[in-house]
Amino acid sequence: MSEIIAGITIPDSPMAREATELLREVATPLIFHHSRRVFLFGSLRGAELGLTADRELLYVGAMFHDLGLTETYRRTDQRFEIDAADEARRFLLGHGIPAAEAAKVWNGIALHTTPEIPLHMDPEVALVTRGVELDVLGLGYDAITDAQRAAVLAAHPRPDFKNQILAAFTEGLKDRPETTFGNVKADVLAHFLPDFERGDFVEVIRSSPWPE
């Protein structure tokens, strides 16, 4: 029987179950519960905004979006969002999902820390960001009801989440600080890594090899 939380049915196909088990295996409880909340909050925001996403694609996007913070999938040569997006695309293609559909999930994960742009894309892209924004930043907090929030948190609690997610971001990014240039995660490292030096776009332009 499918699990229903706050009126949202959790996908229960073999692919969805495999995605759930993969995350349980490699992620901390913090990331697991956060990722499930992202799916639920994204789905609730979709209902409120009149956006219809493929539920399984949205589920994989939400469940995989922070895989790049895990030890198993963490690299040091690219943004953590791309770590996760690449793994999600491999996973979906391996389950026979067409490349165009897998690309939606790739975009949703790769862009989930990029403000505004994903909100104008496919629902499978926009609703991952909506779910992340609600859970991490509180954006859209009043767009869902008290009862809906309570039901989600009863299933997937968030004890000391603000401090714990900041610590998880710092741990996942400390070995690749240069990948935060131009994105919001630079703010995290500026707060928590004493030796972090923020990139400066103006200086990048001024120091380019062009002679003028």
Protein backbone atom coordinates (compact mmCIF):
# COMPACT_ATOMS: atom_id res chain seq x y z
CA MET A 1 0.00 0.00 0.00
CA SER A 2 1.32 3.44 -0.95
CA GLU A 3 2.31 5.83 1.81
CA ILE A 4 0.33 9.08 1.94
CA ILE A 5 1.67 12.12 3.82
CA ALA A 6 -0.21 15.44 3.94
CA GLY A 7 -2.39 14.16 1.10
CA ILE A 8 0.63 13.43 -1.11
CA THR A 9 1.18 9.85 -2.26
CA ILE A 10 4.78 8.71 -2.12
CA PRO A 11 5.68 6.92 -5.38
CA ASP A 12 5.97 3.18 -4.82
CA SER A 13 7.24 1.82 -8.13
CA PRO A 14 10.35 -0.39 -8.18
CA MET A 15 12.36 2.61 -9.42
CA ALA A 16 11.08 4.86 -6.63
CA ARG A 17 11.71 2.19 -4.01
CA GLU A 18 15.26 1.76 -5.31
CA ALA A 19 15.82 5.51 -5.11
CA THR A 20 14.59 5.49 -1.51
CA GLU A 21 16.85 2.61 -0.54
CA LEU A 22 19.85 4.14 -2.26
CA LEU A 23 19.43 7.33 -0.25
CA ARG A 24 18.89 5.41 3.00
CA GLU A 25 22.16 3.58 2.33
CA VAL A 26 24.43 6.53 1.49
CA ALA A 27 22.92 9.56 3.22
CA THR A 28 22.66 10.69 6.81
CA PRO A 29 19.20 10.81 8.42
CA LEU A 30 19.43 14.60 8.06
CA ILE A 31 19.73 14.40 4.27
CA PHE A 32 17.21 11.57 3.96
CA HIS A 33 14.46 13.39 5.85
CA HIS A 34 15.29 16.68 4.14
CA SER A 35 15.03 15.06 0.72
CA ARG A 36 11.68 13.48 1.47
CA ARG A 37 10.41 16.84 2.74
CA VAL A 38 11.60 18.45 -0.49
CA PHE A 39 9.42 16.03 -2.46
CA LEU A 40 6.43 16.60 -0.19
CA PHE A 41 6.77 20.37 0.01
CA GLY A 42 7.45 20.59 -3.73
CA SER A 43 4.34 18.52 -4.42
CA LEU A 44 2.24 20.68 -2.10
CA ARG A 45 3.52 23.86 -3.74
CA GLY A 46 2.78 22.33 -7.13
CA ALA A 47 -0.83 21.69 -6.13
CA GLU A 48 -1.15 25.23 -4.83
CA LEU A 49 0.38 26.73 -8.00
CA GLY A 50 -1.46 24.48 -10.45
CA LEU A 51 1.72 22.77 -11.66
CA THR A 52 1.58 19.10 -12.62
CA ALA A 53 4.86 17.19 -12.54
CA ASP A 54 5.62 13.57 -13.26
CA ARG A 55 5.56 12.26 -9.70
CA GLU A 56 8.33 9.71 -10.15
CA LEU A 57 10.68 12.17 -11.84
CA LEU A 58 10.01 14.73 -9.13
CA TYR A 59 10.61 12.09 -6.48
CA VAL A 60 13.98 11.07 -7.91
CA GLY A 61 14.95 14.73 -8.29
CA ALA A 62 14.08 15.45 -4.69
CA MET A 63 15.64 12.31 -3.28
CA PHE A 64 18.89 12.69 -5.22
CA HIS A 65 19.31 16.48 -5.07
CA ASP A 66 21.86 16.42 -2.21
CA LEU A 67 23.71 13.22 -3.13
CA GLY A 68 26.74 15.38 -3.84
CA LEU A 69 27.03 16.04 -0.10
CA THR A 70 27.39 12.34 0.69
CA GLU A 71 30.76 10.62 0.98
CA THR A 72 29.78 8.09 -1.68
CA TYR A 73 29.02 10.60 -4.44
CA ARG A 74 31.06 13.60 -3.35
CA ARG A 75 33.72 14.83 -5.77
CA THR A 76 36.11 17.75 -5.45
CA ASP A 77 36.33 18.99 -9.04
CA GLN A 78 32.81 20.29 -9.66
CA ARG A 79 29.76 21.73 -7.92
CA PHE A 80 27.98 19.35 -5.57
CA GLU A 81 24.74 19.92 -7.48
CA ILE A 82 26.36 18.43 -10.60
CA ASP A 83 27.58 15.40 -8.64
CA ALA A 84 23.96 14.68 -7.75
CA ALA A 85 22.50 15.59 -11.14
CA ASP A 86 24.90 13.28 -12.97
CA GLU A 87 24.08 10.36 -10.68
CA ALA A 88 20.33 10.95 -11.04
CA ARG A 89 20.62 10.93 -14.83
CA ARG A 90 22.63 7.68 -14.76
CA PHE A 91 20.05 6.14 -12.43
CA LEU A 92 17.09 7.17 -14.61
CA LEU A 93 18.68 6.11 -17.89
CA GLY A 94 19.50 2.78 -16.27
CA HIS A 95 15.79 2.36 -15.56
CA GLY A 96 14.83 3.05 -19.17
CA ILE A 97 13.67 6.63 -18.68
CA PRO A 98 14.03 8.60 -21.96
CA ALA A 99 16.95 11.01 -22.12
CA ALA A 100 14.67 14.06 -22.46
CA GLU A 101 12.87 13.15 -19.24
CA ALA A 102 16.12 12.39 -17.42
CA ALA A 103 17.36 15.81 -18.53
CA LYS A 104 14.51 17.46 -16.63
CA VAL A 105 15.70 15.81 -13.45
CA TRP A 106 19.30 16.77 -14.21
CA ASN A 107 18.22 20.39 -14.62
CA GLY A 108 16.12 20.36 -11.47
CA ILE A 109 19.01 19.13 -9.35
CA ALA A 110 21.77 21.15 -11.03
CA LEU A 111 19.79 24.38 -10.67
CA HIS A 112 18.24 23.93 -7.24
CA THR A 113 20.58 26.48 -5.62
CA THR A 114 20.21 28.99 -8.47
CA PRO A 115 17.58 31.57 -7.54
CA GLU A 116 14.58 32.23 -9.80
CA ILE A 117 15.66 30.60 -13.07
CA PRO A 118 14.39 27.03 -12.33
CA LEU A 119 10.99 28.42 -11.33
CA HIS A 120 10.39 29.27 -15.01
CA MET A 121 11.22 25.79 -16.26
CA ASP A 122 9.43 22.42 -16.38
CA PRO A 123 7.42 21.51 -13.24
CA GLU A 124 9.90 18.71 -12.50
CA VAL A 125 12.59 21.41 -12.32
CA ALA A 126 10.62 24.16 -10.63
CA LEU A 127 9.16 22.00 -7.87
CA VAL A 128 12.50 20.64 -6.68
CA THR A 129 13.54 24.25 -6.12
CA ARG A 130 10.18 25.10 -4.51
CA GLY A 131 10.62 22.20 -2.10
CA VAL A 132 14.20 23.14 -1.26
CA GLU A 133 13.30 26.80 -0.79
CA LEU A 134 10.47 25.96 1.57
CA ASP A 135 12.45 23.51 3.69
CA VAL A 136 15.76 25.38 3.85
CA LEU A 137 14.79 29.03 3.48
CA GLY A 138 11.15 29.07 4.55
CA LEU A 139 10.05 30.56 1.21
CA GLY A 140 6.40 29.67 0.69
CA TYR A 141 5.97 28.73 4.36
CA ASP A 142 2.47 30.24 4.49
CA ALA A 143 1.50 28.89 1.08
CA ILE A 144 0.70 25.53 2.67
CA THR A 145 -1.47 24.97 5.72
CA ASP A 146 -0.44 24.39 9.31
CA ALA A 147 -1.97 20.92 9.09
CA GLN A 148 0.08 20.07 5.99
CA ARG A 149 3.31 21.22 7.59
CA ALA A 150 2.50 19.27 10.75
CA ALA A 151 1.82 16.09 8.77
CA VAL A 152 5.09 16.38 6.85
CA LEU A 153 7.10 17.01 10.01
CA ALA A 154 5.42 14.14 11.85
CA ALA A 155 6.73 11.79 9.16
CA HIS A 156 10.05 13.55 8.60
CA PRO A 157 11.08 15.68 11.58
CA ARG A 158 13.71 18.39 11.41
CA PRO A 159 15.41 18.67 14.83
CA ASP A 160 18.02 21.47 14.84
CA PHE A 161 17.79 21.41 11.05
CA LYS A 162 19.12 24.92 10.43
CA ASN A 163 22.43 24.27 12.17
CA GLN A 164 22.75 20.71 10.92
CA ILE A 165 22.17 21.53 7.25
CA LEU A 166 24.70 24.36 7.42
CA ALA A 167 27.21 21.90 8.89
CA ALA A 168 26.43 19.41 6.11
CA PHE A 169 26.95 22.08 3.45
CA THR A 170 30.27 23.07 5.01
CA GLU A 171 31.49 19.47 5.21
CA GLY A 172 30.46 18.76 1.63
CA LEU A 173 32.09 21.87 0.19
CA LYS A 174 35.19 22.49 2.28
CA ASP A 175 37.42 20.46 -0.09
CA ARG A 176 36.20 22.30 -3.21
CA PRO A 177 35.65 25.90 -2.16
CA GLU A 178 36.35 27.21 -5.66
CA THR A 179 33.17 25.50 -6.91
CA THR A 180 31.06 27.90 -4.85
CA PHE A 181 32.11 30.91 -6.95
CA GLY A 182 29.00 32.76 -8.10
CA ASN A 183 26.51 30.68 -6.12
CA VAL A 184 24.84 30.90 -2.73
CA LYS A 185 27.03 28.27 -1.10
CA ALA A 186 29.90 30.78 -1.00
CA ASP A 187 27.99 32.42 1.85
CA VAL A 188 28.17 29.19 3.85
CA LEU A 189 31.92 28.87 3.50
CA ALA A 190 32.41 32.57 4.27
CA HIS A 191 30.68 31.95 7.62
CA PHE A 192 32.26 28.64 8.58
CA LEU A 193 35.70 28.30 6.92
CA PRO A 194 38.15 30.78 8.47
CA ASP A 195 40.56 30.75 5.50
CA PHE A 196 37.92 30.93 2.76
CA GLU A 197 38.48 33.66 0.19
CA ARG A 198 35.40 34.56 -1.83
CA GLY A 199 35.86 34.87 -5.57
CA ASP A 200 35.37 38.33 -7.08
CA PHE A 201 33.74 38.52 -10.52
CA VAL A 202 35.05 42.03 -11.12
CA GLU A 203 38.62 40.87 -10.49
CA VAL A 204 38.11 37.88 -12.78
CA ILE A 205 37.24 40.29 -15.58
CA ARG A 206 40.09 42.66 -14.79
CA SER A 207 42.66 39.88 -14.65
CA SER A 208 41.56 38.13 -17.85
CA PRO A 209 44.25 37.72 -20.57
CA TRP A 210 42.67 40.36 -22.81
CA PRO A 211 45.24 43.15 -23.20
CA GLU A 212 43.03 46.18 -22.88
